[in-house]
Amino acid sequence: NEAKEIVLAKVEEQSRAEIAHTVRR
């Protein structure tokens, strides 16, 4: 569960960057 939370946080961070790029465009 702890490892899962770390991976999900990383995925969320990457998704935030993708969302930010789309929003910017």
PDBML (XML) file of the C-alpha atoms, coordinates in Angstrom:
<?xml version="1.0" encoding="UTF-8" ?>
<PDBx:datablock datablockName="MODEL"
   xmlns:PDBx="http://pdbml.pdb.org/schema/pdbx-v50.xsd"
   xmlns:xsi="http://www.w3.org/2001/XMLSchema-instance"
   xsi:schemaLocation="http://pdbml.pdb.org/schema/pdbx-v50.xsd pdbx-v50.xsd">
   <PDBx:atom_siteCategory>
      <PDBx:atom_site id="1">
         <PDBx:B_iso_or_equiv>0.00</PDBx:B_iso_or_equiv>
         <PDBx:Cartn_x>0.000</PDBx:Cartn_x>
         <PDBx:Cartn_y>0.000</PDBx:Cartn_y>
         <PDBx:Cartn_z>0.000</PDBx:Cartn_z>
         <PDBx:auth_asym_id>A</PDBx:auth_asym_id>
         <PDBx:auth_atom_id>CA</PDBx:auth_atom_id>
         <PDBx:auth_comp_id>ASN</PDBx:auth_comp_id>
         <PDBx:auth_seq_id>1</PDBx:auth_seq_id>
         <PDBx:group_PDB>ATOM</PDBx:group_PDB>
         <PDBx:label_alt_id xsi:nil="true" />
         <PDBx:label_asym_id>A</PDBx:label_asym_id>
         <PDBx:label_atom_id>CA</PDBx:label_atom_id>
         <PDBx:label_comp_id>ASN</PDBx:label_comp_id>
         <PDBx:label_entity_id>1</PDBx:label_entity_id>
         <PDBx:label_seq_id>1</PDBx:label_seq_id>
         <PDBx:occupancy>1.00</PDBx:occupancy>
         <PDBx:pdbx_PDB_model_num>1</PDBx:pdbx_PDB_model_num>
         <PDBx:type_symbol>C</PDBx:type_symbol>
      </PDBx:atom_site>
      <PDBx:atom_site id="2">
         <PDBx:B_iso_or_equiv>0.00</PDBx:B_iso_or_equiv>
         <PDBx:Cartn_x>2.829</PDBx:Cartn_x>
         <PDBx:Cartn_y>2.406</PDBx:Cartn_y>
         <PDBx:Cartn_z>0.833</PDBx:Cartn_z>
         <PDBx:auth_asym_id>A</PDBx:auth_asym_id>
         <PDBx:auth_atom_id>CA</PDBx:auth_atom_id>
         <PDBx:auth_comp_id>GLU</PDBx:auth_comp_id>
         <PDBx:auth_seq_id>2</PDBx:auth_seq_id>
         <PDBx:group_PDB>ATOM</PDBx:group_PDB>
         <PDBx:label_alt_id xsi:nil="true" />
         <PDBx:label_asym_id>A</PDBx:label_asym_id>
         <PDBx:label_atom_id>CA</PDBx:label_atom_id>
         <PDBx:label_comp_id>GLU</PDBx:label_comp_id>
         <PDBx:label_entity_id>1</PDBx:label_entity_id>
         <PDBx:label_seq_id>2</PDBx:label_seq_id>
         <PDBx:occupancy>1.00</PDBx:occupancy>
         <PDBx:pdbx_PDB_model_num>1</PDBx:pdbx_PDB_model_num>
         <PDBx:type_symbol>C</PDBx:type_symbol>
      </PDBx:atom_site>
      <PDBx:atom_site id="3">
         <PDBx:B_iso_or_equiv>0.00</PDBx:B_iso_or_equiv>
         <PDBx:Cartn_x>4.620</PDBx:Cartn_x>
         <PDBx:Cartn_y>1.600</PDBx:Cartn_y>
         <PDBx:Cartn_z>-2.425</PDBx:Cartn_z>
         <PDBx:auth_asym_id>A</PDBx:auth_asym_id>
         <PDBx:auth_atom_id>CA</PDBx:auth_atom_id>
         <PDBx:auth_comp_id>ALA</PDBx:auth_comp_id>
         <PDBx:auth_seq_id>3</PDBx:auth_seq_id>
         <PDBx:group_PDB>ATOM</PDBx:group_PDB>
         <PDBx:label_alt_id xsi:nil="true" />
         <PDBx:label_asym_id>A</PDBx:label_asym_id>
         <PDBx:label_atom_id>CA</PDBx:label_atom_id>
         <PDBx:label_comp_id>ALA</PDBx:label_comp_id>
         <PDBx:label_entity_id>1</PDBx:label_entity_id>
         <PDBx:label_seq_id>3</PDBx:label_seq_id>
         <PDBx:occupancy>1.00</PDBx:occupancy>
         <PDBx:pdbx_PDB_model_num>1</PDBx:pdbx_PDB_model_num>
         <PDBx:type_symbol>C</PDBx:type_symbol>
      </PDBx:atom_site>
      <PDBx:atom_site id="4">
         <PDBx:B_iso_or_equiv>0.00</PDBx:B_iso_or_equiv>
         <PDBx:Cartn_x>1.333</PDBx:Cartn_x>
         <PDBx:Cartn_y>1.981</PDBx:Cartn_y>
         <PDBx:Cartn_z>-4.280</PDBx:Cartn_z>
         <PDBx:auth_asym_id>A</PDBx:auth_asym_id>
         <PDBx:auth_atom_id>CA</PDBx:auth_atom_id>
         <PDBx:auth_comp_id>LYS</PDBx:auth_comp_id>
         <PDBx:auth_seq_id>4</PDBx:auth_seq_id>
         <PDBx:group_PDB>ATOM</PDBx:group_PDB>
         <PDBx:label_alt_id xsi:nil="true" />
         <PDBx:label_asym_id>A</PDBx:label_asym_id>
         <PDBx:label_atom_id>CA</PDBx:label_atom_id>
         <PDBx:label_comp_id>LYS</PDBx:label_comp_id>
         <PDBx:label_entity_id>1</PDBx:label_entity_id>
         <PDBx:label_seq_id>4</PDBx:label_seq_id>
         <PDBx:occupancy>1.00</PDBx:occupancy>
         <PDBx:pdbx_PDB_model_num>1</PDBx:pdbx_PDB_model_num>
         <PDBx:type_symbol>C</PDBx:type_symbol>
      </PDBx:atom_site>
      <PDBx:atom_site id="5">
         <PDBx:B_iso_or_equiv>0.00</PDBx:B_iso_or_equiv>
         <PDBx:Cartn_x>0.842</PDBx:Cartn_x>
         <PDBx:Cartn_y>5.454</PDBx:Cartn_y>
         <PDBx:Cartn_z>-2.801</PDBx:Cartn_z>
         <PDBx:auth_asym_id>A</PDBx:auth_asym_id>
         <PDBx:auth_atom_id>CA</PDBx:auth_atom_id>
         <PDBx:auth_comp_id>GLU</PDBx:auth_comp_id>
         <PDBx:auth_seq_id>5</PDBx:auth_seq_id>
         <PDBx:group_PDB>ATOM</PDBx:group_PDB>
         <PDBx:label_alt_id xsi:nil="true" />
         <PDBx:label_asym_id>A</PDBx:label_asym_id>
         <PDBx:label_atom_id>CA</PDBx:label_atom_id>
         <PDBx:label_comp_id>GLU</PDBx:label_comp_id>
         <PDBx:label_entity_id>1</PDBx:label_entity_id>
         <PDBx:label_seq_id>5</PDBx:label_seq_id>
         <PDBx:occupancy>1.00</PDBx:occupancy>
         <PDBx:pdbx_PDB_model_num>1</PDBx:pdbx_PDB_model_num>
         <PDBx:type_symbol>C</PDBx:type_symbol>
      </PDBx:atom_site>
      <PDBx:atom_site id="6">
         <PDBx:B_iso_or_equiv>0.00</PDBx:B_iso_or_equiv>
         <PDBx:Cartn_x>4.333</PDBx:Cartn_x>
         <PDBx:Cartn_y>6.489</PDBx:Cartn_y>
         <PDBx:Cartn_z>-3.973</PDBx:Cartn_z>
         <PDBx:auth_asym_id>A</PDBx:auth_asym_id>
         <PDBx:auth_atom_id>CA</PDBx:auth_atom_id>
         <PDBx:auth_comp_id>ILE</PDBx:auth_comp_id>
         <PDBx:auth_seq_id>6</PDBx:auth_seq_id>
         <PDBx:group_PDB>ATOM</PDBx:group_PDB>
         <PDBx:label_alt_id xsi:nil="true" />
         <PDBx:label_asym_id>A</PDBx:label_asym_id>
         <PDBx:label_atom_id>CA</PDBx:label_atom_id>
         <PDBx:label_comp_id>ILE</PDBx:label_comp_id>
         <PDBx:label_entity_id>1</PDBx:label_entity_id>
         <PDBx:label_seq_id>6</PDBx:label_seq_id>
         <PDBx:occupancy>1.00</PDBx:occupancy>
         <PDBx:pdbx_PDB_model_num>1</PDBx:pdbx_PDB_model_num>
         <PDBx:type_symbol>C</PDBx:type_symbol>
      </PDBx:atom_site>
      <PDBx:atom_site id="7">
         <PDBx:B_iso_or_equiv>0.00</PDBx:B_iso_or_equiv>
         <PDBx:Cartn_x>3.725</PDBx:Cartn_x>
         <PDBx:Cartn_y>5.256</PDBx:Cartn_y>
         <PDBx:Cartn_z>-7.505</PDBx:Cartn_z>
         <PDBx:auth_asym_id>A</PDBx:auth_asym_id>
         <PDBx:auth_atom_id>CA</PDBx:auth_atom_id>
         <PDBx:auth_comp_id>VAL</PDBx:auth_comp_id>
         <PDBx:auth_seq_id>7</PDBx:auth_seq_id>
         <PDBx:group_PDB>ATOM</PDBx:group_PDB>
         <PDBx:label_alt_id xsi:nil="true" />
         <PDBx:label_asym_id>A</PDBx:label_asym_id>
         <PDBx:label_atom_id>CA</PDBx:label_atom_id>
         <PDBx:label_comp_id>VAL</PDBx:label_comp_id>
         <PDBx:label_entity_id>1</PDBx:label_entity_id>
         <PDBx:label_seq_id>7</PDBx:label_seq_id>
         <PDBx:occupancy>1.00</PDBx:occupancy>
         <PDBx:pdbx_PDB_model_num>1</PDBx:pdbx_PDB_model_num>
         <PDBx:type_symbol>C</PDBx:type_symbol>
      </PDBx:atom_site>
      <PDBx:atom_site id="8">
         <PDBx:B_iso_or_equiv>0.00</PDBx:B_iso_or_equiv>
         <PDBx:Cartn_x>0.275</PDBx:Cartn_x>
         <PDBx:Cartn_y>6.872</PDBx:Cartn_y>
         <PDBx:Cartn_z>-7.665</PDBx:Cartn_z>
         <PDBx:auth_asym_id>A</PDBx:auth_asym_id>
         <PDBx:auth_atom_id>CA</PDBx:auth_atom_id>
         <PDBx:auth_comp_id>LEU</PDBx:auth_comp_id>
         <PDBx:auth_seq_id>8</PDBx:auth_seq_id>
         <PDBx:group_PDB>ATOM</PDBx:group_PDB>
         <PDBx:label_alt_id xsi:nil="true" />
         <PDBx:label_asym_id>A</PDBx:label_asym_id>
         <PDBx:label_atom_id>CA</PDBx:label_atom_id>
         <PDBx:label_comp_id>LEU</PDBx:label_comp_id>
         <PDBx:label_entity_id>1</PDBx:label_entity_id>
         <PDBx:label_seq_id>8</PDBx:label_seq_id>
         <PDBx:occupancy>1.00</PDBx:occupancy>
         <PDBx:pdbx_PDB_model_num>1</PDBx:pdbx_PDB_model_num>
         <PDBx:type_symbol>C</PDBx:type_symbol>
      </PDBx:atom_site>
      <PDBx:atom_site id="9">
         <PDBx:B_iso_or_equiv>0.00</PDBx:B_iso_or_equiv>
         <PDBx:Cartn_x>1.729</PDBx:Cartn_x>
         <PDBx:Cartn_y>10.164</PDBx:Cartn_y>
         <PDBx:Cartn_z>-6.455</PDBx:Cartn_z>
         <PDBx:auth_asym_id>A</PDBx:auth_asym_id>
         <PDBx:auth_atom_id>CA</PDBx:auth_atom_id>
         <PDBx:auth_comp_id>ALA</PDBx:auth_comp_id>
         <PDBx:auth_seq_id>9</PDBx:auth_seq_id>
         <PDBx:group_PDB>ATOM</PDBx:group_PDB>
         <PDBx:label_alt_id xsi:nil="true" />
         <PDBx:label_asym_id>A</PDBx:label_asym_id>
         <PDBx:label_atom_id>CA</PDBx:label_atom_id>
         <PDBx:label_comp_id>ALA</PDBx:label_comp_id>
         <PDBx:label_entity_id>1</PDBx:label_entity_id>
         <PDBx:label_seq_id>9</PDBx:label_seq_id>
         <PDBx:occupancy>1.00</PDBx:occupancy>
         <PDBx:pdbx_PDB_model_num>1</PDBx:pdbx_PDB_model_num>
         <PDBx:type_symbol>C</PDBx:type_symbol>
      </PDBx:atom_site>
      <PDBx:atom_site id="10">
         <PDBx:B_iso_or_equiv>0.00</PDBx:B_iso_or_equiv>
         <PDBx:Cartn_x>4.328</PDBx:Cartn_x>
         <PDBx:Cartn_y>9.976</PDBx:Cartn_y>
         <PDBx:Cartn_z>-9.240</PDBx:Cartn_z>
         <PDBx:auth_asym_id>A</PDBx:auth_asym_id>
         <PDBx:auth_atom_id>CA</PDBx:auth_atom_id>
         <PDBx:auth_comp_id>LYS</PDBx:auth_comp_id>
         <PDBx:auth_seq_id>10</PDBx:auth_seq_id>
         <PDBx:group_PDB>ATOM</PDBx:group_PDB>
         <PDBx:label_alt_id xsi:nil="true" />
         <PDBx:label_asym_id>A</PDBx:label_asym_id>
         <PDBx:label_atom_id>CA</PDBx:label_atom_id>
         <PDBx:label_comp_id>LYS</PDBx:label_comp_id>
         <PDBx:label_entity_id>1</PDBx:label_entity_id>
         <PDBx:label_seq_id>10</PDBx:label_seq_id>
         <PDBx:occupancy>1.00</PDBx:occupancy>
         <PDBx:pdbx_PDB_model_num>1</PDBx:pdbx_PDB_model_num>
         <PDBx:type_symbol>C</PDBx:type_symbol>
      </PDBx:atom_site>
      <PDBx:atom_site id="11">
         <PDBx:B_iso_or_equiv>0.00</PDBx:B_iso_or_equiv>
         <PDBx:Cartn_x>1.652</PDBx:Cartn_x>
         <PDBx:Cartn_y>9.167</PDBx:Cartn_y>
         <PDBx:Cartn_z>-11.811</PDBx:Cartn_z>
         <PDBx:auth_asym_id>A</PDBx:auth_asym_id>
         <PDBx:auth_atom_id>CA</PDBx:auth_atom_id>
         <PDBx:auth_comp_id>VAL</PDBx:auth_comp_id>
         <PDBx:auth_seq_id>11</PDBx:auth_seq_id>
         <PDBx:group_PDB>ATOM</PDBx:group_PDB>
         <PDBx:label_alt_id xsi:nil="true" />
         <PDBx:label_asym_id>A</PDBx:label_asym_id>
         <PDBx:label_atom_id>CA</PDBx:label_atom_id>
         <PDBx:label_comp_id>VAL</PDBx:label_comp_id>
         <PDBx:label_entity_id>1</PDBx:label_entity_id>
         <PDBx:label_seq_id>11</PDBx:label_seq_id>
         <PDBx:occupancy>1.00</PDBx:occupancy>
         <PDBx:pdbx_PDB_model_num>1</PDBx:pdbx_PDB_model_num>
         <PDBx:type_symbol>C</PDBx:type_symbol>
      </PDBx:atom_site>
      <PDBx:atom_site id="12">
         <PDBx:B_iso_or_equiv>0.00</PDBx:B_iso_or_equiv>
         <PDBx:Cartn_x>-0.472</PDBx:Cartn_x>
         <PDBx:Cartn_y>12.050</PDBx:Cartn_y>
         <PDBx:Cartn_z>-10.507</PDBx:Cartn_z>
         <PDBx:auth_asym_id>A</PDBx:auth_asym_id>
         <PDBx:auth_atom_id>CA</PDBx:auth_atom_id>
         <PDBx:auth_comp_id>GLU</PDBx:auth_comp_id>
         <PDBx:auth_seq_id>12</PDBx:auth_seq_id>
         <PDBx:group_PDB>ATOM</PDBx:group_PDB>
         <PDBx:label_alt_id xsi:nil="true" />
         <PDBx:label_asym_id>A</PDBx:label_asym_id>
         <PDBx:label_atom_id>CA</PDBx:label_atom_id>
         <PDBx:label_comp_id>GLU</PDBx:label_comp_id>
         <PDBx:label_entity_id>1</PDBx:label_entity_id>
         <PDBx:label_seq_id>12</PDBx:label_seq_id>
         <PDBx:occupancy>1.00</PDBx:occupancy>
         <PDBx:pdbx_PDB_model_num>1</PDBx:pdbx_PDB_model_num>
         <PDBx:type_symbol>C</PDBx:type_symbol>
      </PDBx:atom_site>
      <PDBx:atom_site id="13">
         <PDBx:B_iso_or_equiv>0.00</PDBx:B_iso_or_equiv>
         <PDBx:Cartn_x>2.498</PDBx:Cartn_x>
         <PDBx:Cartn_y>14.389</PDBx:Cartn_y>
         <PDBx:Cartn_z>-10.841</PDBx:Cartn_z>
         <PDBx:auth_asym_id>A</PDBx:auth_asym_id>
         <PDBx:auth_atom_id>CA</PDBx:auth_atom_id>
         <PDBx:auth_comp_id>GLU</PDBx:auth_comp_id>
         <PDBx:auth_seq_id>13</PDBx:auth_seq_id>
         <PDBx:group_PDB>ATOM</PDBx:group_PDB>
         <PDBx:label_alt_id xsi:nil="true" />
         <PDBx:label_asym_id>A</PDBx:label_asym_id>
         <PDBx:label_atom_id>CA</PDBx:label_atom_id>
         <PDBx:label_comp_id>GLU</PDBx:label_comp_id>
         <PDBx:label_entity_id>1</PDBx:label_entity_id>
         <PDBx:label_seq_id>13</PDBx:label_seq_id>
         <PDBx:occupancy>1.00</PDBx:occupancy>
         <PDBx:pdbx_PDB_model_num>1</PDBx:pdbx_PDB_model_num>
         <PDBx:type_symbol>C</PDBx:type_symbol>
      </PDBx:atom_site>
      <PDBx:atom_site id="14">
         <PDBx:B_iso_or_equiv>0.00</PDBx:B_iso_or_equiv>
         <PDBx:Cartn_x>3.074</PDBx:Cartn_x>
         <PDBx:Cartn_y>13.280</PDBx:Cartn_y>
         <PDBx:Cartn_z>-14.442</PDBx:Cartn_z>
         <PDBx:auth_asym_id>A</PDBx:auth_asym_id>
         <PDBx:auth_atom_id>CA</PDBx:auth_atom_id>
         <PDBx:auth_comp_id>GLN</PDBx:auth_comp_id>
         <PDBx:auth_seq_id>14</PDBx:auth_seq_id>
         <PDBx:group_PDB>ATOM</PDBx:group_PDB>
         <PDBx:label_alt_id xsi:nil="true" />
         <PDBx:label_asym_id>A</PDBx:label_asym_id>
         <PDBx:label_atom_id>CA</PDBx:label_atom_id>
         <PDBx:label_comp_id>GLN</PDBx:label_comp_id>
         <PDBx:label_entity_id>1</PDBx:label_entity_id>
         <PDBx:label_seq_id>14</PDBx:label_seq_id>
         <PDBx:occupancy>1.00</PDBx:occupancy>
         <PDBx:pdbx_PDB_model_num>1</PDBx:pdbx_PDB_model_num>
         <PDBx:type_symbol>C</PDBx:type_symbol>
      </PDBx:atom_site>
      <PDBx:atom_site id="15">
         <PDBx:B_iso_or_equiv>0.00</PDBx:B_iso_or_equiv>
         <PDBx:Cartn_x>-0.644</PDBx:Cartn_x>
         <PDBx:Cartn_y>13.593</PDBx:Cartn_y>
         <PDBx:Cartn_z>-15.203</PDBx:Cartn_z>
         <PDBx:auth_asym_id>A</PDBx:auth_asym_id>
         <PDBx:auth_atom_id>CA</PDBx:auth_atom_id>
         <PDBx:auth_comp_id>SER</PDBx:auth_comp_id>
         <PDBx:auth_seq_id>15</PDBx:auth_seq_id>
         <PDBx:group_PDB>ATOM</PDBx:group_PDB>
         <PDBx:label_alt_id xsi:nil="true" />
         <PDBx:label_asym_id>A</PDBx:label_asym_id>
         <PDBx:label_atom_id>CA</PDBx:label_atom_id>
         <PDBx:label_comp_id>SER</PDBx:label_comp_id>
         <PDBx:label_entity_id>1</PDBx:label_entity_id>
         <PDBx:label_seq_id>15</PDBx:label_seq_id>
         <PDBx:occupancy>1.00</PDBx:occupancy>
         <PDBx:pdbx_PDB_model_num>1</PDBx:pdbx_PDB_model_num>
         <PDBx:type_symbol>C</PDBx:type_symbol>
      </PDBx:atom_site>
      <PDBx:atom_site id="16">
         <PDBx:B_iso_or_equiv>0.00</PDBx:B_iso_or_equiv>
         <PDBx:Cartn_x>-0.660</PDBx:Cartn_x>
         <PDBx:Cartn_y>17.103</PDBx:Cartn_y>
         <PDBx:Cartn_z>-13.732</PDBx:Cartn_z>
         <PDBx:auth_asym_id>A</PDBx:auth_asym_id>
         <PDBx:auth_atom_id>CA</PDBx:auth_atom_id>
         <PDBx:auth_comp_id>ARG</PDBx:auth_comp_id>
         <PDBx:auth_seq_id>16</PDBx:auth_seq_id>
         <PDBx:group_PDB>ATOM</PDBx:group_PDB>
         <PDBx:label_alt_id xsi:nil="true" />
         <PDBx:label_asym_id>A</PDBx:label_asym_id>
         <PDBx:label_atom_id>CA</PDBx:label_atom_id>
         <PDBx:label_comp_id>ARG</PDBx:label_comp_id>
         <PDBx:label_entity_id>1</PDBx:label_entity_id>
         <PDBx:label_seq_id>16</PDBx:label_seq_id>
         <PDBx:occupancy>1.00</PDBx:occupancy>
         <PDBx:pdbx_PDB_model_num>1</PDBx:pdbx_PDB_model_num>
         <PDBx:type_symbol>C</PDBx:type_symbol>
      </PDBx:atom_site>
      <PDBx:atom_site id="17">
         <PDBx:B_iso_or_equiv>0.00</PDBx:B_iso_or_equiv>
         <PDBx:Cartn_x>2.107</PDBx:Cartn_x>
         <PDBx:Cartn_y>18.081</PDBx:Cartn_y>
         <PDBx:Cartn_z>-16.133</PDBx:Cartn_z>
         <PDBx:auth_asym_id>A</PDBx:auth_asym_id>
         <PDBx:auth_atom_id>CA</PDBx:auth_atom_id>
         <PDBx:auth_comp_id>ALA</PDBx:auth_comp_id>
         <PDBx:auth_seq_id>17</PDBx:auth_seq_id>
         <PDBx:group_PDB>ATOM</PDBx:group_PDB>
         <PDBx:label_alt_id xsi:nil="true" />
         <PDBx:label_asym_id>A</PDBx:label_asym_id>
         <PDBx:label_atom_id>CA</PDBx:label_atom_id>
         <PDBx:label_comp_id>ALA</PDBx:label_comp_id>
         <PDBx:label_entity_id>1</PDBx:label_entity_id>
         <PDBx:label_seq_id>17</PDBx:label_seq_id>
         <PDBx:occupancy>1.00</PDBx:occupancy>
         <PDBx:pdbx_PDB_model_num>1</PDBx:pdbx_PDB_model_num>
         <PDBx:type_symbol>C</PDBx:type_symbol>
      </PDBx:atom_site>
      <PDBx:atom_site id="18">
         <PDBx:B_iso_or_equiv>0.00</PDBx:B_iso_or_equiv>
         <PDBx:Cartn_x>0.146</PDBx:Cartn_x>
         <PDBx:Cartn_y>16.653</PDBx:Cartn_y>
         <PDBx:Cartn_z>-19.082</PDBx:Cartn_z>
         <PDBx:auth_asym_id>A</PDBx:auth_asym_id>
         <PDBx:auth_atom_id>CA</PDBx:auth_atom_id>
         <PDBx:auth_comp_id>GLU</PDBx:auth_comp_id>
         <PDBx:auth_seq_id>18</PDBx:auth_seq_id>
         <PDBx:group_PDB>ATOM</PDBx:group_PDB>
         <PDBx:label_alt_id xsi:nil="true" />
         <PDBx:label_asym_id>A</PDBx:label_asym_id>
         <PDBx:label_atom_id>CA</PDBx:label_atom_id>
         <PDBx:label_comp_id>GLU</PDBx:label_comp_id>
         <PDBx:label_entity_id>1</PDBx:label_entity_id>
         <PDBx:label_seq_id>18</PDBx:label_seq_id>
         <PDBx:occupancy>1.00</PDBx:occupancy>
         <PDBx:pdbx_PDB_model_num>1</PDBx:pdbx_PDB_model_num>
         <PDBx:type_symbol>C</PDBx:type_symbol>
      </PDBx:atom_site>
      <PDBx:atom_site id="19">
         <PDBx:B_iso_or_equiv>0.00</PDBx:B_iso_or_equiv>
         <PDBx:Cartn_x>-3.020</PDBx:Cartn_x>
         <PDBx:Cartn_y>18.405</PDBx:Cartn_y>
         <PDBx:Cartn_z>-17.937</PDBx:Cartn_z>
         <PDBx:auth_asym_id>A</PDBx:auth_asym_id>
         <PDBx:auth_atom_id>CA</PDBx:auth_atom_id>
         <PDBx:auth_comp_id>ILE</PDBx:auth_comp_id>
         <PDBx:auth_seq_id>19</PDBx:auth_seq_id>
         <PDBx:group_PDB>ATOM</PDBx:group_PDB>
         <PDBx:label_alt_id xsi:nil="true" />
         <PDBx:label_asym_id>A</PDBx:label_asym_id>
         <PDBx:label_atom_id>CA</PDBx:label_atom_id>
         <PDBx:label_comp_id>ILE</PDBx:label_comp_id>
         <PDBx:label_entity_id>1</PDBx:label_entity_id>
         <PDBx:label_seq_id>19</PDBx:label_seq_id>
         <PDBx:occupancy>1.00</PDBx:occupancy>
         <PDBx:pdbx_PDB_model_num>1</PDBx:pdbx_PDB_model_num>
         <PDBx:type_symbol>C</PDBx:type_symbol>
      </PDBx:atom_site>
      <PDBx:atom_site id="20">
         <PDBx:B_iso_or_equiv>0.00</PDBx:B_iso_or_equiv>
         <PDBx:Cartn_x>-1.139</PDBx:Cartn_x>
         <PDBx:Cartn_y>21.669</PDBx:Cartn_y>
         <PDBx:Cartn_z>-17.506</PDBx:Cartn_z>
         <PDBx:auth_asym_id>A</PDBx:auth_asym_id>
         <PDBx:auth_atom_id>CA</PDBx:auth_atom_id>
         <PDBx:auth_comp_id>ALA</PDBx:auth_comp_id>
         <PDBx:auth_seq_id>20</PDBx:auth_seq_id>
         <PDBx:group_PDB>ATOM</PDBx:group_PDB>
         <PDBx:label_alt_id xsi:nil="true" />
         <PDBx:label_asym_id>A</PDBx:label_asym_id>
         <PDBx:label_atom_id>CA</PDBx:label_atom_id>
         <PDBx:label_comp_id>ALA</PDBx:label_comp_id>
         <PDBx:label_entity_id>1</PDBx:label_entity_id>
         <PDBx:label_seq_id>20</PDBx:label_seq_id>
         <PDBx:occupancy>1.00</PDBx:occupancy>
         <PDBx:pdbx_PDB_model_num>1</PDBx:pdbx_PDB_model_num>
         <PDBx:type_symbol>C</PDBx:type_symbol>
      </PDBx:atom_site>
      <PDBx:atom_site id="21">
         <PDBx:B_iso_or_equiv>0.00</PDBx:B_iso_or_equiv>
         <PDBx:Cartn_x>0.262</PDBx:Cartn_x>
         <PDBx:Cartn_y>21.348</PDBx:Cartn_y>
         <PDBx:Cartn_z>-21.026</PDBx:Cartn_z>
         <PDBx:auth_asym_id>A</PDBx:auth_asym_id>
         <PDBx:auth_atom_id>CA</PDBx:auth_atom_id>
         <PDBx:auth_comp_id>HIS</PDBx:auth_comp_id>
         <PDBx:auth_seq_id>21</PDBx:auth_seq_id>
         <PDBx:group_PDB>ATOM</PDBx:group_PDB>
         <PDBx:label_alt_id xsi:nil="true" />
         <PDBx:label_asym_id>A</PDBx:label_asym_id>
         <PDBx:label_atom_id>CA</PDBx:label_atom_id>
         <PDBx:label_comp_id>HIS</PDBx:label_comp_id>
         <PDBx:label_entity_id>1</PDBx:label_entity_id>
         <PDBx:label_seq_id>21</PDBx:label_seq_id>
         <PDBx:occupancy>1.00</PDBx:occupancy>
         <PDBx:pdbx_PDB_model_num>1</PDBx:pdbx_PDB_model_num>
         <PDBx:type_symbol>C</PDBx:type_symbol>
      </PDBx:atom_site>
      <PDBx:atom_site id="22">
         <PDBx:B_iso_or_equiv>0.00</PDBx:B_iso_or_equiv>
         <PDBx:Cartn_x>-3.223</PDBx:Cartn_x>
         <PDBx:Cartn_y>20.716</PDBx:Cartn_y>
         <PDBx:Cartn_z>-22.475</PDBx:Cartn_z>
         <PDBx:auth_asym_id>A</PDBx:auth_asym_id>
         <PDBx:auth_atom_id>CA</PDBx:auth_atom_id>
         <PDBx:auth_comp_id>THR</PDBx:auth_comp_id>
         <PDBx:auth_seq_id>22</PDBx:auth_seq_id>
         <PDBx:group_PDB>ATOM</PDBx:group_PDB>
         <PDBx:label_alt_id xsi:nil="true" />
         <PDBx:label_asym_id>A</PDBx:label_asym_id>
         <PDBx:label_atom_id>CA</PDBx:label_atom_id>
         <PDBx:label_comp_id>THR</PDBx:label_comp_id>
         <PDBx:label_entity_id>1</PDBx:label_entity_id>
         <PDBx:label_seq_id>22</PDBx:label_seq_id>
         <PDBx:occupancy>1.00</PDBx:occupancy>
         <PDBx:pdbx_PDB_model_num>1</PDBx:pdbx_PDB_model_num>
         <PDBx:type_symbol>C</PDBx:type_symbol>
      </PDBx:atom_site>
      <PDBx:atom_site id="23">
         <PDBx:B_iso_or_equiv>0.00</PDBx:B_iso_or_equiv>
         <PDBx:Cartn_x>-4.733</PDBx:Cartn_x>
         <PDBx:Cartn_y>23.577</PDBx:Cartn_y>
         <PDBx:Cartn_z>-20.479</PDBx:Cartn_z>
         <PDBx:auth_asym_id>A</PDBx:auth_asym_id>
         <PDBx:auth_atom_id>CA</PDBx:auth_atom_id>
         <PDBx:auth_comp_id>VAL</PDBx:auth_comp_id>
         <PDBx:auth_seq_id>23</PDBx:auth_seq_id>
         <PDBx:group_PDB>ATOM</PDBx:group_PDB>
         <PDBx:label_alt_id xsi:nil="true" />
         <PDBx:label_asym_id>A</PDBx:label_asym_id>
         <PDBx:label_atom_id>CA</PDBx:label_atom_id>
         <PDBx:label_comp_id>VAL</PDBx:label_comp_id>
         <PDBx:label_entity_id>1</PDBx:label_entity_id>
         <PDBx:label_seq_id>23</PDBx:label_seq_id>
         <PDBx:occupancy>1.00</PDBx:occupancy>
         <PDBx:pdbx_PDB_model_num>1</PDBx:pdbx_PDB_model_num>
         <PDBx:type_symbol>C</PDBx:type_symbol>
      </PDBx:atom_site>
      <PDBx:atom_site id="24">
         <PDBx:B_iso_or_equiv>0.00</PDBx:B_iso_or_equiv>
         <PDBx:Cartn_x>-1.984</PDBx:Cartn_x>
         <PDBx:Cartn_y>25.876</PDBx:Cartn_y>
         <PDBx:Cartn_z>-21.648</PDBx:Cartn_z>
         <PDBx:auth_asym_id>A</PDBx:auth_asym_id>
         <PDBx:auth_atom_id>CA</PDBx:auth_atom_id>
         <PDBx:auth_comp_id>ARG</PDBx:auth_comp_id>
         <PDBx:auth_seq_id>24</PDBx:auth_seq_id>
         <PDBx:group_PDB>ATOM</PDBx:group_PDB>
         <PDBx:label_alt_id xsi:nil="true" />
         <PDBx:label_asym_id>A</PDBx:label_asym_id>
         <PDBx:label_atom_id>CA</PDBx:label_atom_id>
         <PDBx:label_comp_id>ARG</PDBx:label_comp_id>
         <PDBx:label_entity_id>1</PDBx:label_entity_id>
         <PDBx:label_seq_id>24</PDBx:label_seq_id>
         <PDBx:occupancy>1.00</PDBx:occupancy>
         <PDBx:pdbx_PDB_model_num>1</PDBx:pdbx_PDB_model_num>
         <PDBx:type_symbol>C</PDBx:type_symbol>
      </PDBx:atom_site>
      <PDBx:atom_site id="25">
         <PDBx:B_iso_or_equiv>0.00</PDBx:B_iso_or_equiv>
         <PDBx:Cartn_x>-2.548</PDBx:Cartn_x>
         <PDBx:Cartn_y>25.017</PDBx:Cartn_y>
         <PDBx:Cartn_z>-25.296</PDBx:Cartn_z>
         <PDBx:auth_asym_id>A</PDBx:auth_asym_id>
         <PDBx:auth_atom_id>CA</PDBx:auth_atom_id>
         <PDBx:auth_comp_id>ARG</PDBx:auth_comp_id>
         <PDBx:auth_seq_id>25</PDBx:auth_seq_id>
         <PDBx:group_PDB>ATOM</PDBx:group_PDB>
         <PDBx:label_alt_id xsi:nil="true" />
         <PDBx:label_asym_id>A</PDBx:label_asym_id>
         <PDBx:label_atom_id>CA</PDBx:label_atom_id>
         <PDBx:label_comp_id>ARG</PDBx:label_comp_id>
         <PDBx:label_entity_id>1</PDBx:label_entity_id>
         <PDBx:label_seq_id>25</PDBx:label_seq_id>
         <PDBx:occupancy>1.00</PDBx:occupancy>
         <PDBx:pdbx_PDB_model_num>1</PDBx:pdbx_PDB_model_num>
         <PDBx:type_symbol>C</PDBx:type_symbol>
      </PDBx:atom_site>
   </PDBx:atom_siteCategory>
</PDBx:datablock>
